[in-house]
Amino acid sequence: MNDTRWQVVPGTTFPTLAARWDALNEAGFRSPVLHADFVGPLLVHFGDGSERIALCEDAGGRLRRATIVVRSNAFVHDTFQPSQAPIGLWLQDEGAQGLPDAATMSALAAALGATTVMVGLGQLDPELVARGEPSGYVTLDYIDTARVTITGTFDDYWAARGKNLRANMKKQKNKLDAEGVALRFDCITDPAGVADAIADYGRLESAGWKASGGTAVSADNAQGRFYRDVFERFCSRGMGRIYRCFYQTGQERQLAAMDLCIEHHGVMVILKTAFDETIRGTSPAFLMRHDYFPGIFETRRLSRIEFYGRVMEWHTKWSEEQRTLYHATTYRWPVVAKLDAMRRARSARHAAAATPASVPTAAPTPAPAETASA
């Protein structure tokens, strides 16, 4: 795109650019997790002030591409990627479905500073940015992720699930009935209910395995403040859903599972899932989705549900649709691309030579973004 130019501004200016950011998202991806009401809180709660926003405009001043980057070292900039962001913070308009050409990205590197020779675009979704490997790029697999496309009826969808899942769900409900446990569900969409719901979520997650690793959400940590901020914004627009499942015995209700979901233009992303890990013999998260999925199929408001995050065995029970998120690295000058390709090839040869033939090798995969698990 020879008729474009890049402008780089501090990340702290995002509030003044949010409308333009959203207009570009609307012109292209229409992604919930690239909406300004998600990106803005990422910067507020997880940024350190060093983030920079890069804007690519055409000759008429129209915004064509945008990203938020951080300096990884003296020579490299990467997209800003806190673990709460399931995909990379990169936008482009509807006229550009694949990766930008090398000249455009070389111009971005130049705009980021005289010493910048490499720019990394992390965790790209091929559904949004079609994967290829144009001149001047190296792409690497990140993780496989799953989704559910909303077509037909829920009965059609459920009939296509595995026989074991269908039988197991029926068995779980019968078990709860026999024990006198009633299932209760609700969905919070009112911004006034968000603070209490995120506090509930924090208590649920903090009682589980994430508490020991210090990664659990709580009402008074950065993650809790982030999710409260996001859901108050999205719920005020009618785009936030917090699903809850309760096990009720008599007058006592036990919070058993929660899904935190945001939506935009027919796409719902399950950002996080938590469940009571003391419950044995039933899966409250499965029972919760079995309760709210039929309404999604019935209303037709959504076209797909994105799980985002590394595919686990439980994902395969809900969907057979998978795709691979990827990283793309681009270079300011072709010679740097050639040198880096040679370095990668040399490292691969050395790794292969150092590995016994009887031991299978696998390319290292970066740690997955913090997303839903069940």
Protein backbone atom coordinates (compact mmCIF):
# COMPACT_ATOMS: atom_id res chain seq x y z
CA MET A 1 0.00 0.00 0.00
CA ASN A 2 2.28 2.75 -1.28
CA ASP A 3 -0.34 5.46 -0.69
CA THR A 4 -0.41 4.90 3.07
CA ARG A 5 1.57 6.22 6.00
CA TRP A 6 2.00 5.11 9.60
CA GLN A 7 1.59 7.33 12.64
CA VAL A 8 2.73 6.13 16.08
CA VAL A 9 1.26 7.61 19.26
CA PRO A 10 1.39 6.71 22.97
CA GLY A 11 -0.96 3.99 24.19
CA THR A 12 -2.29 6.41 26.79
CA THR A 13 -4.09 8.26 23.98
CA PHE A 14 -6.35 5.28 23.29
CA PRO A 15 -9.49 6.91 24.80
CA THR A 16 -9.24 9.70 22.21
CA LEU A 17 -8.82 7.15 19.41
CA ALA A 18 -11.40 4.61 20.56
CA ALA A 19 -14.06 5.76 18.08
CA ARG A 20 -11.66 5.41 15.14
CA TRP A 21 -10.47 2.03 16.44
CA ASP A 22 -14.07 0.80 16.62
CA ALA A 23 -14.89 2.15 13.17
CA LEU A 24 -11.99 0.12 11.75
CA ASN A 25 -13.14 -2.98 13.63
CA GLU A 26 -16.63 -2.45 12.19
CA ALA A 27 -15.20 -2.12 8.67
CA GLY A 28 -13.32 -5.39 8.96
CA PHE A 29 -13.34 -8.01 11.68
CA ARG A 30 -16.27 -6.96 13.92
CA SER A 31 -14.67 -8.95 16.71
CA PRO A 32 -15.88 -8.67 20.32
CA VAL A 33 -12.34 -9.05 21.64
CA LEU A 34 -11.06 -6.26 19.36
CA HIS A 35 -13.83 -3.85 20.37
CA ALA A 36 -12.60 -0.68 22.12
CA ASP A 37 -14.57 -1.66 25.22
CA PHE A 38 -12.31 -4.71 25.52
CA VAL A 39 -9.03 -3.21 24.30
CA GLY A 40 -9.28 -0.05 26.41
CA PRO A 41 -9.52 -1.97 29.71
CA LEU A 42 -6.58 -4.17 28.63
CA LEU A 43 -4.41 -1.05 28.43
CA VAL A 44 -5.77 0.43 31.66
CA HIS A 45 -5.37 -2.67 33.83
CA PHE A 46 -2.39 -4.47 32.26
CA GLY A 47 -0.43 -1.80 30.42
CA ASP A 48 2.63 -0.12 31.95
CA GLY A 49 2.58 3.05 29.85
CA SER A 50 5.16 1.88 27.32
CA GLU A 51 2.54 0.66 24.83
CA ARG A 52 2.31 2.46 21.49
CA ILE A 53 -0.57 2.66 19.01
CA ALA A 54 0.33 2.48 15.32
CA LEU A 55 -2.20 3.82 12.82
CA CYS A 56 -1.96 3.32 9.06
CA GLU A 57 -3.91 5.87 7.00
CA ASP A 58 -4.39 6.20 3.27
CA ALA A 59 -3.87 9.43 1.33
CA GLY A 60 -7.42 10.52 2.14
CA GLY A 61 -6.92 10.12 5.89
CA ARG A 62 -8.96 6.91 6.09
CA LEU A 63 -7.72 4.49 8.74
CA ARG A 64 -6.77 1.21 7.06
CA ARG A 65 -4.84 -0.66 9.77
CA ALA A 66 -4.13 -0.29 13.46
CA THR A 67 -2.24 -2.16 16.15
CA ILE A 68 -0.90 -1.74 19.67
CA VAL A 69 2.72 -2.73 20.19
CA VAL A 70 5.40 -2.92 22.86
CA ARG A 71 9.17 -2.94 22.48
CA SER A 72 10.52 -6.42 23.25
CA ASN A 73 14.16 -5.37 22.85
CA ALA A 74 16.17 -2.76 20.99
CA PHE A 75 15.41 -4.36 17.62
CA VAL A 76 11.97 -5.94 17.98
CA HIS A 77 8.41 -4.72 18.56
CA ASP A 78 5.55 -7.15 19.24
CA THR A 79 1.82 -6.71 19.56
CA PHE A 80 0.70 -5.96 23.12
CA GLN A 81 -0.47 -9.34 24.40
CA PRO A 82 -1.63 -9.66 28.00
CA SER A 83 -2.88 -13.17 28.74
CA GLN A 84 -6.47 -11.93 28.98
CA ALA A 85 -6.47 -11.10 25.23
CA PRO A 86 -7.22 -14.29 23.29
CA ILE A 87 -6.07 -12.88 19.92
CA GLY A 88 -3.55 -10.30 18.78
CA LEU A 89 -4.43 -6.61 18.81
CA TRP A 90 -4.30 -6.07 15.07
CA LEU A 91 -7.03 -4.53 12.89
CA GLN A 92 -7.36 -4.07 9.15
CA ASP A 93 -10.21 -2.97 6.94
CA GLU A 94 -12.39 -5.14 4.75
CA GLY A 95 -10.17 -4.58 1.72
CA ALA A 96 -7.27 -6.51 3.23
CA GLN A 97 -8.07 -10.11 4.13
CA GLY A 98 -4.54 -11.50 4.32
CA LEU A 99 -1.30 -10.30 5.86
CA PRO A 100 -0.16 -6.83 4.73
CA ASP A 101 2.51 -6.65 2.06
CA ALA A 102 6.17 -6.39 3.04
CA ALA A 103 6.41 -2.71 2.09
CA THR A 104 3.59 -1.79 4.47
CA MET A 105 5.19 -3.66 7.36
CA SER A 106 8.65 -2.31 6.56
CA ALA A 107 7.16 1.17 6.82
CA LEU A 108 5.66 0.23 10.19
CA ALA A 109 9.05 -0.93 11.45
CA ALA A 110 10.59 2.34 10.32
CA ALA A 111 7.86 4.35 12.05
CA LEU A 112 8.52 2.46 15.31
CA GLY A 113 12.13 3.63 15.44
CA ALA A 114 15.47 3.61 13.70
CA THR A 115 16.64 0.42 15.41
CA THR A 116 13.47 -1.63 14.83
CA VAL A 117 14.17 -4.45 12.36
CA MET A 118 11.44 -6.97 13.26
CA VAL A 119 7.73 -6.68 14.05
CA GLY A 120 5.81 -9.60 15.54
CA LEU A 121 2.06 -9.99 15.15
CA GLY A 122 0.99 -12.49 17.78
CA GLN A 123 -1.96 -14.88 18.05
CA LEU A 124 -3.59 -14.04 14.74
CA ASP A 125 -6.91 -15.70 13.92
CA PRO A 126 -6.96 -17.05 10.33
CA GLU A 127 -10.72 -16.47 10.38
CA LEU A 128 -9.87 -12.75 10.46
CA VAL A 129 -6.40 -12.55 8.85
CA ALA A 130 -6.04 -15.29 6.27
CA ARG A 131 -2.78 -17.12 6.76
CA GLY A 132 -0.17 -17.09 4.08
CA GLU A 133 3.54 -16.44 4.05
CA PRO A 134 4.15 -13.45 1.78
CA SER A 135 7.66 -12.29 1.02
CA GLY A 136 9.32 -10.97 4.15
CA TYR A 137 7.29 -13.04 6.64
CA VAL A 138 7.76 -16.09 8.81
CA THR A 139 4.62 -17.62 10.34
CA LEU A 140 4.44 -20.16 13.14
CA ASP A 141 1.58 -22.19 14.57
CA TYR A 142 0.32 -20.99 17.97
CA ILE A 143 -2.57 -23.16 19.19
CA ASP A 144 -5.63 -24.94 17.83
CA THR A 145 -8.91 -23.41 18.95
CA ALA A 146 -12.55 -24.50 18.66
CA ARG A 147 -15.89 -22.90 17.86
CA VAL A 148 -19.55 -23.79 17.40
CA THR A 149 -21.30 -22.51 14.29
CA ILE A 150 -25.01 -21.87 14.89
CA THR A 151 -26.90 -23.64 12.12
CA GLY A 152 -30.09 -25.69 12.18
CA THR A 153 -31.82 -26.37 15.49
CA PHE A 154 -30.35 -27.23 18.84
CA ASP A 155 -31.85 -30.71 18.49
CA ASP A 156 -29.89 -31.11 15.25
CA TYR A 157 -26.72 -29.90 16.94
CA TRP A 158 -27.24 -32.11 19.99
CA ALA A 159 -27.98 -35.17 17.89
CA ALA A 160 -24.61 -34.66 16.20
CA ARG A 161 -22.76 -34.76 19.52
CA GLY A 162 -21.19 -37.99 20.61
CA LYS A 163 -23.44 -40.68 22.01
CA ASN A 164 -21.31 -40.80 25.16
CA LEU A 165 -21.83 -37.08 25.85
CA ARG A 166 -25.58 -37.30 25.40
CA ALA A 167 -25.82 -40.36 27.63
CA ASN A 168 -23.51 -38.84 30.23
CA MET A 169 -25.53 -35.62 30.47
CA LYS A 170 -28.72 -37.61 30.98
CA LYS A 171 -27.01 -39.73 33.61
CA GLN A 172 -25.77 -36.64 35.47
CA LYS A 173 -29.25 -35.11 35.58
CA ASN A 174 -30.73 -38.37 36.85
CA LYS A 175 -28.06 -38.53 39.56
CA LEU A 176 -28.83 -35.01 40.74
CA ASP A 177 -32.57 -35.75 40.75
CA ALA A 178 -31.98 -38.86 42.84
CA GLU A 179 -29.94 -36.81 45.33
CA GLY A 180 -32.60 -34.12 45.57
CA VAL A 181 -30.44 -31.50 43.87
CA ALA A 182 -32.24 -29.09 41.56
CA LEU A 183 -30.42 -27.20 38.80
CA ARG A 184 -30.97 -23.45 38.71
CA PHE A 185 -29.60 -21.13 36.05
CA ASP A 186 -29.51 -17.40 35.42
CA CYS A 187 -27.88 -14.94 33.02
CA ILE A 188 -26.75 -11.50 34.13
CA THR A 189 -26.95 -8.83 31.45
CA ASP A 190 -27.64 -5.73 33.58
CA PRO A 191 -24.49 -3.64 34.25
CA ALA A 192 -25.76 -3.05 37.80
CA GLY A 193 -25.29 -6.78 38.52
CA VAL A 194 -21.77 -7.07 37.13
CA ALA A 195 -19.77 -6.16 40.24
CA ASP A 196 -21.45 -8.84 42.37
CA ALA A 197 -21.20 -11.38 39.54
CA ILE A 198 -17.46 -10.83 39.08
CA ALA A 199 -17.02 -11.13 42.86
CA ASP A 200 -18.92 -14.44 42.67
CA TYR A 201 -16.67 -15.55 39.82
CA GLY A 202 -13.58 -14.59 41.79
CA ARG A 203 -14.67 -16.62 44.82
CA LEU A 204 -15.36 -19.62 42.60
CA GLU A 205 -12.02 -19.44 40.78
CA SER A 206 -10.02 -18.55 43.90
CA ALA A 207 -11.20 -21.78 45.54
CA GLY A 208 -9.71 -23.83 42.70
CA TRP A 209 -6.30 -24.71 41.32
CA LYS A 210 -5.60 -21.23 39.92
CA ALA A 211 -5.39 -19.79 43.42
CA SER A 212 -2.12 -21.64 44.10
CA GLY A 213 -0.56 -20.18 40.96
CA GLY A 214 -1.69 -16.65 41.69
CA THR A 215 -3.69 -16.44 38.43
CA ALA A 216 -7.19 -16.52 39.89
CA VAL A 217 -9.58 -13.62 39.44
CA SER A 218 -10.62 -11.78 42.58
CA ALA A 219 -12.70 -8.67 43.06
CA ASP A 220 -9.70 -6.68 44.30
CA ASN A 221 -6.95 -7.68 41.87
CA ALA A 222 -6.16 -6.41 38.36
CA GLN A 223 -7.98 -9.29 36.67
CA GLY A 224 -11.13 -8.71 38.70
CA ARG A 225 -11.07 -4.99 37.99
CA PHE A 226 -10.50 -5.69 34.30
CA TYR A 227 -13.43 -8.09 33.96
CA ARG A 228 -15.72 -5.80 35.93
CA ASP A 229 -14.74 -2.90 33.65
CA VAL A 230 -15.27 -4.96 30.48
CA PHE A 231 -18.62 -6.40 31.51
CA GLU A 232 -20.04 -3.13 32.77
CA ARG A 233 -19.20 -1.65 29.37
CA PHE A 234 -20.50 -4.58 27.32
CA CYS A 235 -23.64 -5.08 29.39
CA SER A 236 -24.47 -1.40 29.03
CA ARG A 237 -24.49 -2.03 25.27
CA GLY A 238 -26.48 -5.25 25.54
CA MET A 239 -23.42 -7.29 24.56
CA GLY A 240 -22.41 -8.94 27.83
CA ARG A 241 -23.65 -12.23 29.30
CA ILE A 242 -22.62 -13.80 32.60
CA TYR A 243 -24.12 -17.28 32.92
CA ARG A 244 -24.41 -18.98 36.30
CA CYS A 245 -25.35 -22.49 37.35
CA PHE A 246 -26.50 -23.32 40.89
CA TYR A 247 -27.04 -26.64 42.63
CA GLN A 248 -29.99 -26.20 44.98
CA THR A 249 -30.87 -28.51 47.84
CA GLY A 250 -33.92 -27.32 49.73
CA GLN A 251 -33.35 -23.65 50.50
CA GLU A 252 -29.59 -23.84 50.05
CA ARG A 253 -28.02 -22.80 46.75
CA GLN A 254 -24.44 -23.62 45.80
CA LEU A 255 -22.82 -21.67 42.97
CA ALA A 256 -21.49 -24.44 40.74
CA ALA A 257 -20.26 -22.87 37.49
CA MET A 258 -19.99 -19.61 35.55
CA ASP A 259 -19.25 -18.51 31.98
CA LEU A 260 -18.15 -14.95 31.21
CA CYS A 261 -19.18 -14.10 27.64
CA ILE A 262 -19.14 -11.06 25.39
CA GLU A 263 -20.69 -10.72 21.95
CA HIS A 264 -20.64 -8.46 18.93
CA HIS A 265 -22.15 -8.79 15.46
CA GLY A 266 -23.36 -12.35 15.99
CA VAL A 267 -20.16 -13.70 17.55
CA MET A 268 -20.03 -14.67 21.22
CA VAL A 269 -16.69 -15.34 22.91
CA ILE A 270 -16.57 -17.40 26.10
CA LEU A 271 -13.77 -15.47 27.79
CA LYS A 272 -13.56 -17.48 31.00
CA THR A 273 -15.14 -20.43 32.75
CA ALA A 274 -14.96 -21.43 36.40
CA PHE A 275 -16.61 -24.27 38.29
CA ASP A 276 -16.67 -25.62 41.82
CA GLU A 277 -13.86 -28.15 41.88
CA THR A 278 -15.23 -29.86 44.99
CA ILE A 279 -18.18 -31.21 42.98
CA ARG A 280 -17.67 -34.82 42.00
CA GLY A 281 -19.66 -37.05 39.68
CA THR A 282 -21.25 -34.24 37.65
CA SER A 283 -19.96 -31.44 35.44
CA PRO A 284 -21.75 -28.18 36.26
CA ALA A 285 -20.08 -26.34 33.37
CA PHE A 286 -21.41 -28.92 30.90
CA LEU A 287 -24.87 -28.80 32.46
CA MET A 288 -24.83 -25.00 32.30
CA ARG A 289 -24.02 -24.93 28.58
CA HIS A 290 -26.60 -27.60 27.91
CA ASP A 291 -29.08 -25.19 29.48
CA TYR A 292 -28.16 -21.99 27.64
CA PHE A 293 -27.08 -23.30 24.21
CA PRO A 294 -30.70 -24.10 23.12
CA GLY A 295 -31.73 -20.46 23.56
CA ILE A 296 -28.85 -19.35 21.35
CA PHE A 297 -29.96 -21.69 18.58
CA GLU A 298 -33.58 -20.60 18.99
CA THR A 299 -33.10 -16.82 18.91
CA ARG A 300 -30.61 -16.81 16.01
CA ARG A 301 -28.99 -13.71 17.43
CA LEU A 302 -25.59 -15.39 17.20
CA SER A 303 -23.89 -17.03 14.24
CA ARG A 304 -21.08 -18.68 16.18
CA ILE A 305 -19.64 -19.27 19.64
CA GLU A 306 -15.87 -18.94 20.01
CA PHE A 307 -14.10 -20.83 22.77
CA TYR A 308 -10.65 -19.38 22.01
CA GLY A 309 -7.77 -20.95 23.90
CA ARG A 310 -5.99 -24.24 23.34
CA VAL A 311 -8.29 -27.09 22.31
CA MET A 312 -8.77 -29.55 25.15
CA GLU A 313 -10.53 -32.88 25.20
CA TRP A 314 -13.72 -31.32 26.57
CA HIS A 315 -13.88 -28.86 23.66
CA THR A 316 -14.09 -31.76 21.22
CA LYS A 317 -17.30 -32.92 22.89
CA TRP A 318 -19.00 -29.65 21.98
CA SER A 319 -17.49 -29.05 18.55
CA GLU A 320 -15.59 -30.70 15.75
CA GLU A 321 -14.66 -27.29 14.27
CA GLN A 322 -11.03 -26.36 14.84
CA ARG A 323 -8.51 -23.97 13.34
CA THR A 324 -4.95 -22.91 14.16
CA LEU A 325 -4.08 -19.47 15.49
CA TYR A 326 -0.65 -18.32 14.38
CA HIS A 327 2.15 -15.83 14.91
CA ALA A 328 3.60 -13.77 12.04
CA THR A 329 6.99 -12.06 12.09
CA THR A 330 7.92 -9.50 9.49
CA TYR A 331 11.20 -7.77 8.77
CA ARG A 332 12.23 -4.25 7.88
CA TRP A 333 14.72 -5.38 5.25
CA PRO A 334 14.76 -8.59 3.13
CA VAL A 335 18.32 -9.36 4.19
CA VAL A 336 17.19 -9.57 7.84
CA ALA A 337 14.47 -12.03 6.84
CA LYS A 338 17.06 -14.20 5.09
CA LEU A 339 19.45 -14.09 8.03
CA ASP A 340 16.68 -14.98 10.49
CA ALA A 341 15.51 -17.84 8.26
CA MET A 342 19.07 -19.17 8.21
CA ARG A 343 19.28 -18.86 12.00
CA ARG A 344 16.01 -20.76 12.45
CA ALA A 345 17.11 -23.50 10.05
CA ARG A 346 20.46 -23.84 11.83
CA SER A 347 18.75 -24.05 15.23
CA ALA A 348 16.36 -26.70 13.91
CA ARG A 349 19.28 -28.78 12.55
CA HIS A 350 21.15 -28.54 15.85
CA ALA A 351 18.03 -29.52 17.79
CA ALA A 352 17.44 -32.51 15.51
CA ALA A 353 21.06 -33.62 15.82
CA ALA A 354 20.93 -33.40 19.60
CA THR A 355 17.74 -35.42 19.88
CA PRO A 356 17.88 -39.26 19.89
CA ALA A 357 16.11 -40.70 16.86
CA SER A 358 13.79 -42.76 19.08
CA VAL A 359 12.40 -39.66 20.79
CA PRO A 360 9.78 -37.75 18.77
CA THR A 361 10.27 -34.00 18.61
CA ALA A 362 7.71 -31.24 18.61
CA ALA A 363 8.05 -27.54 17.97
CA PRO A 364 7.66 -25.51 21.15
CA THR A 365 4.32 -23.78 21.51
CA PRO A 366 3.90 -20.54 23.47
CA ALA A 367 1.73 -20.73 26.58
CA PRO A 368 -1.98 -20.26 25.77
CA ALA A 369 -3.85 -17.08 26.64
CA GLU A 370 -5.88 -17.30 29.83
CA THR A 371 -9.28 -18.36 28.47
CA ALA A 372 -12.14 -20.68 29.23
CA SER A 373 -11.56 -24.15 30.68
CA ALA A 374 -13.98 -26.67 32.07
